[in-house]
Amino acid sequence: MENSYRYFENRECKYFPCHEGQEEFNCLFCYCPLYSREKCPGNPSYLEKSGKRIKVCSNCTFPHVPSNYDAVIELLKEG
């Protein structure tokens, strides 16, 4: 897939790939813009630390799947 406003792959990043198992990996949303949402379409897990619930997205690839670009944008529009 060609780099564009909808897709960017940075193979030179020292963390690439930050998630395994994908052939095409969209780095555009390197830091997930949905992280702060209680309900997101990904598959986060949660852990309890010092009485706080922490969202863990290390097994989630939702924002990195190229075909999910439109879904991420729509969720961001919802606010």
N, C-alpha and C. Protein backbone atom coordinates (compact mmCIF):
# COMPACT_ATOMS: atom_id res chain seq x y z
N MET A 1 0.84 -1.17 0.00
CA MET A 1 0.00 0.00 0.00
C MET A 1 0.89 1.24 0.00
N GLU A 2 0.49 2.25 -0.70
CA GLU A 2 1.29 3.47 -0.85
C GLU A 2 1.00 4.46 0.29
N ASN A 3 2.05 5.09 0.81
CA ASN A 3 1.87 6.10 1.85
C ASN A 3 1.00 7.24 1.32
N SER A 4 0.07 7.71 2.16
CA SER A 4 -0.84 8.78 1.78
C SER A 4 -1.41 9.40 3.06
N TYR A 5 -2.43 10.26 2.93
CA TYR A 5 -3.05 10.84 4.12
C TYR A 5 -3.84 9.79 4.91
N ARG A 6 -4.17 8.66 4.31
CA ARG A 6 -4.94 7.60 4.96
C ARG A 6 -4.07 6.46 5.48
N TYR A 7 -2.83 6.44 5.04
CA TYR A 7 -1.98 5.29 5.37
C TYR A 7 -0.52 5.73 5.39
N PHE A 8 0.20 5.28 6.40
CA PHE A 8 1.62 5.55 6.48
C PHE A 8 2.29 4.39 7.20
N GLU A 9 3.32 3.85 6.60
CA GLU A 9 4.07 2.76 7.23
C GLU A 9 5.51 3.21 7.41
N ASN A 10 5.99 3.15 8.63
CA ASN A 10 7.35 3.59 8.94
C ASN A 10 8.20 2.40 9.36
N ARG A 11 8.76 1.72 8.39
CA ARG A 11 9.59 0.54 8.66
C ARG A 11 10.91 0.90 9.33
N GLU A 12 11.28 2.16 9.33
CA GLU A 12 12.52 2.60 9.96
C GLU A 12 12.35 2.88 11.46
N CYS A 13 11.13 2.87 11.94
CA CYS A 13 10.87 3.10 13.36
C CYS A 13 11.50 1.97 14.18
N LYS A 14 12.14 2.31 15.28
CA LYS A 14 12.79 1.26 16.09
C LYS A 14 11.77 0.33 16.75
N TYR A 15 10.51 0.71 16.78
CA TYR A 15 9.47 -0.14 17.37
C TYR A 15 8.67 -0.93 16.33
N PHE A 16 8.99 -0.74 15.05
CA PHE A 16 8.22 -1.42 13.99
C PHE A 16 8.57 -2.88 13.91
N PRO A 17 7.60 -3.75 13.83
CA PRO A 17 6.18 -3.49 14.07
C PRO A 17 5.89 -3.58 15.56
N CYS A 18 5.08 -2.69 16.04
CA CYS A 18 4.77 -2.71 17.48
C CYS A 18 3.74 -3.78 17.81
N HIS A 19 3.06 -4.29 16.80
CA HIS A 19 2.14 -5.41 16.95
C HIS A 19 2.49 -6.41 15.85
N GLU A 20 2.51 -7.67 16.18
CA GLU A 20 2.86 -8.72 15.22
C GLU A 20 1.62 -9.24 14.50
N GLY A 21 1.83 -9.84 13.35
CA GLY A 21 0.76 -10.58 12.68
C GLY A 21 -0.01 -9.83 11.61
N GLN A 22 0.46 -8.68 11.18
CA GLN A 22 -0.23 -7.95 10.12
C GLN A 22 0.69 -7.77 8.94
N GLU A 23 0.17 -7.97 7.75
CA GLU A 23 0.97 -7.79 6.54
C GLU A 23 1.11 -6.31 6.21
N GLU A 24 -0.02 -5.59 6.21
CA GLU A 24 0.00 -4.14 6.02
C GLU A 24 -0.27 -3.49 7.37
N PHE A 25 0.59 -2.57 7.76
CA PHE A 25 0.52 -2.00 9.09
C PHE A 25 0.49 -0.48 9.00
N ASN A 26 -0.64 0.12 9.37
CA ASN A 26 -0.79 1.57 9.29
C ASN A 26 -0.24 2.23 10.54
N CYS A 27 0.83 2.99 10.38
CA CYS A 27 1.46 3.69 11.50
C CYS A 27 0.88 5.09 11.71
N LEU A 28 -0.09 5.46 10.89
CA LEU A 28 -0.67 6.80 10.97
C LEU A 28 -1.18 7.11 12.38
N PHE A 29 -1.82 6.14 13.00
CA PHE A 29 -2.31 6.31 14.36
C PHE A 29 -1.39 5.58 15.33
N CYS A 30 -0.13 5.92 15.29
CA CYS A 30 0.87 5.28 16.15
C CYS A 30 0.42 5.33 17.60
N TYR A 31 0.06 6.51 18.06
CA TYR A 31 -0.56 6.65 19.38
C TYR A 31 -2.05 6.63 19.12
N CYS A 32 -2.75 5.67 19.66
CA CYS A 32 -4.17 5.49 19.35
C CYS A 32 -5.00 6.68 19.83
N PRO A 33 -5.71 7.33 18.90
CA PRO A 33 -6.56 8.45 19.29
C PRO A 33 -7.80 8.01 20.06
N LEU A 34 -8.03 6.70 20.16
CA LEU A 34 -9.19 6.18 20.87
C LEU A 34 -8.84 5.71 22.28
N TYR A 35 -7.59 5.88 22.67
CA TYR A 35 -7.12 5.37 23.97
C TYR A 35 -7.95 5.89 25.13
N SER A 36 -8.31 7.15 25.11
CA SER A 36 -9.03 7.75 26.24
C SER A 36 -10.50 7.38 26.30
N ARG A 37 -11.00 6.70 25.30
CA ARG A 37 -12.42 6.32 25.28
C ARG A 37 -12.66 5.05 26.08
N GLU A 38 -13.70 5.10 26.87
CA GLU A 38 -14.06 3.92 27.67
C GLU A 38 -14.47 2.77 26.75
N LYS A 39 -15.25 3.09 25.72
CA LYS A 39 -15.69 2.06 24.78
C LYS A 39 -15.04 2.36 23.43
N CYS A 40 -14.22 1.45 22.99
CA CYS A 40 -13.59 1.60 21.69
C CYS A 40 -13.80 0.30 20.92
N PRO A 41 -13.68 0.32 19.60
CA PRO A 41 -13.93 -0.88 18.82
C PRO A 41 -12.79 -1.90 18.84
N GLY A 42 -11.71 -1.57 19.50
CA GLY A 42 -10.57 -2.49 19.59
C GLY A 42 -10.81 -3.56 20.64
N ASN A 43 -9.76 -4.22 21.04
CA ASN A 43 -9.87 -5.28 22.05
C ASN A 43 -8.90 -5.04 23.21
N PRO A 44 -9.07 -3.93 23.92
CA PRO A 44 -8.16 -3.65 25.03
C PRO A 44 -8.42 -4.58 26.21
N SER A 45 -7.43 -4.71 27.03
CA SER A 45 -7.61 -5.39 28.31
C SER A 45 -7.36 -4.33 29.38
N TYR A 46 -7.62 -4.67 30.61
CA TYR A 46 -7.45 -3.71 31.70
C TYR A 46 -6.69 -4.37 32.83
N LEU A 47 -5.91 -3.58 33.52
CA LEU A 47 -5.25 -4.08 34.72
C LEU A 47 -5.45 -3.07 35.83
N GLU A 48 -5.36 -3.56 37.02
CA GLU A 48 -5.54 -2.74 38.21
C GLU A 48 -4.16 -2.49 38.81
N LYS A 49 -3.85 -1.23 39.03
CA LYS A 49 -2.56 -0.90 39.63
C LYS A 49 -2.75 0.30 40.56
N SER A 50 -2.36 0.13 41.79
CA SER A 50 -2.46 1.18 42.80
C SER A 50 -3.87 1.75 42.87
N GLY A 51 -4.86 0.89 42.74
CA GLY A 51 -6.25 1.31 42.82
C GLY A 51 -6.79 1.97 41.57
N LYS A 52 -6.02 1.97 40.50
CA LYS A 52 -6.47 2.58 39.26
C LYS A 52 -6.62 1.52 38.18
N ARG A 53 -7.63 1.70 37.34
CA ARG A 53 -7.87 0.81 36.21
C ARG A 53 -7.12 1.37 35.00
N ILE A 54 -6.22 0.58 34.43
CA ILE A 54 -5.38 1.04 33.32
C ILE A 54 -5.71 0.24 32.07
N LYS A 55 -5.96 0.96 30.99
CA LYS A 55 -6.27 0.35 29.70
C LYS A 55 -4.96 -0.13 29.05
N VAL A 56 -4.95 -1.38 28.62
CA VAL A 56 -3.76 -1.97 28.00
C VAL A 56 -4.14 -2.35 26.56
N CYS A 57 -3.47 -1.71 25.61
CA CYS A 57 -3.81 -1.92 24.20
C CYS A 57 -2.76 -2.70 23.43
N SER A 58 -1.87 -3.35 24.12
CA SER A 58 -0.77 -4.04 23.44
C SER A 58 -1.23 -5.16 22.52
N ASN A 59 -2.42 -5.70 22.72
CA ASN A 59 -2.93 -6.75 21.84
C ASN A 59 -3.95 -6.22 20.84
N CYS A 60 -4.12 -4.92 20.77
CA CYS A 60 -5.11 -4.32 19.88
C CYS A 60 -4.43 -3.77 18.63
N THR A 61 -4.96 -4.13 17.48
CA THR A 61 -4.42 -3.63 16.21
C THR A 61 -5.45 -2.78 15.45
N PHE A 62 -6.59 -2.51 16.04
CA PHE A 62 -7.68 -1.80 15.33
C PHE A 62 -7.21 -0.56 14.58
N PRO A 63 -6.52 0.40 15.21
CA PRO A 63 -6.14 1.61 14.47
C PRO A 63 -5.04 1.38 13.43
N HIS A 64 -4.41 0.23 13.45
CA HIS A 64 -3.31 -0.08 12.53
C HIS A 64 -3.75 -0.85 11.29
N VAL A 65 -5.02 -1.28 11.27
CA VAL A 65 -5.56 -1.98 10.10
C VAL A 65 -5.95 -0.92 9.07
N PRO A 66 -5.34 -0.93 7.89
CA PRO A 66 -5.60 0.11 6.90
C PRO A 66 -7.09 0.36 6.61
N SER A 67 -7.88 -0.68 6.56
CA SER A 67 -9.30 -0.51 6.24
C SER A 67 -10.11 0.11 7.38
N ASN A 68 -9.52 0.30 8.54
CA ASN A 68 -10.24 0.91 9.67
C ASN A 68 -10.07 2.43 9.75
N TYR A 69 -9.37 3.02 8.79
CA TYR A 69 -9.16 4.47 8.80
C TYR A 69 -10.48 5.22 8.94
N ASP A 70 -11.47 4.92 8.09
CA ASP A 70 -12.74 5.63 8.12
C ASP A 70 -13.46 5.46 9.45
N ALA A 71 -13.40 4.28 10.03
CA ALA A 71 -14.05 4.04 11.32
C ALA A 71 -13.41 4.89 12.42
N VAL A 72 -12.08 5.00 12.42
CA VAL A 72 -11.38 5.82 13.42
C VAL A 72 -11.79 7.28 13.26
N ILE A 73 -11.82 7.78 12.03
CA ILE A 73 -12.20 9.16 11.77
C ILE A 73 -13.63 9.43 12.22
N GLU A 74 -14.54 8.52 11.93
CA GLU A 74 -15.95 8.69 12.35
C GLU A 74 -16.06 8.73 13.87
N LEU A 75 -15.35 7.88 14.55
CA LEU A 75 -15.38 7.89 16.02
C LEU A 75 -14.82 9.20 16.59
N LEU A 76 -13.81 9.74 15.95
CA LEU A 76 -13.25 11.01 16.39
C LEU A 76 -14.23 12.16 16.16
N LYS A 77 -15.00 12.08 15.09
CA LYS A 77 -16.00 13.11 14.81
C LYS A 77 -17.11 13.11 15.86
N GLU A 78 -17.44 11.93 16.38
CA GLU A 78 -18.49 11.80 17.38
C GLU A 78 -18.12 12.52 18.68
N GLY A 79 -16.84 12.65 18.93
CA GLY A 79 -16.38 13.35 20.11
C GLY A 79 -16.42 12.57 21.30
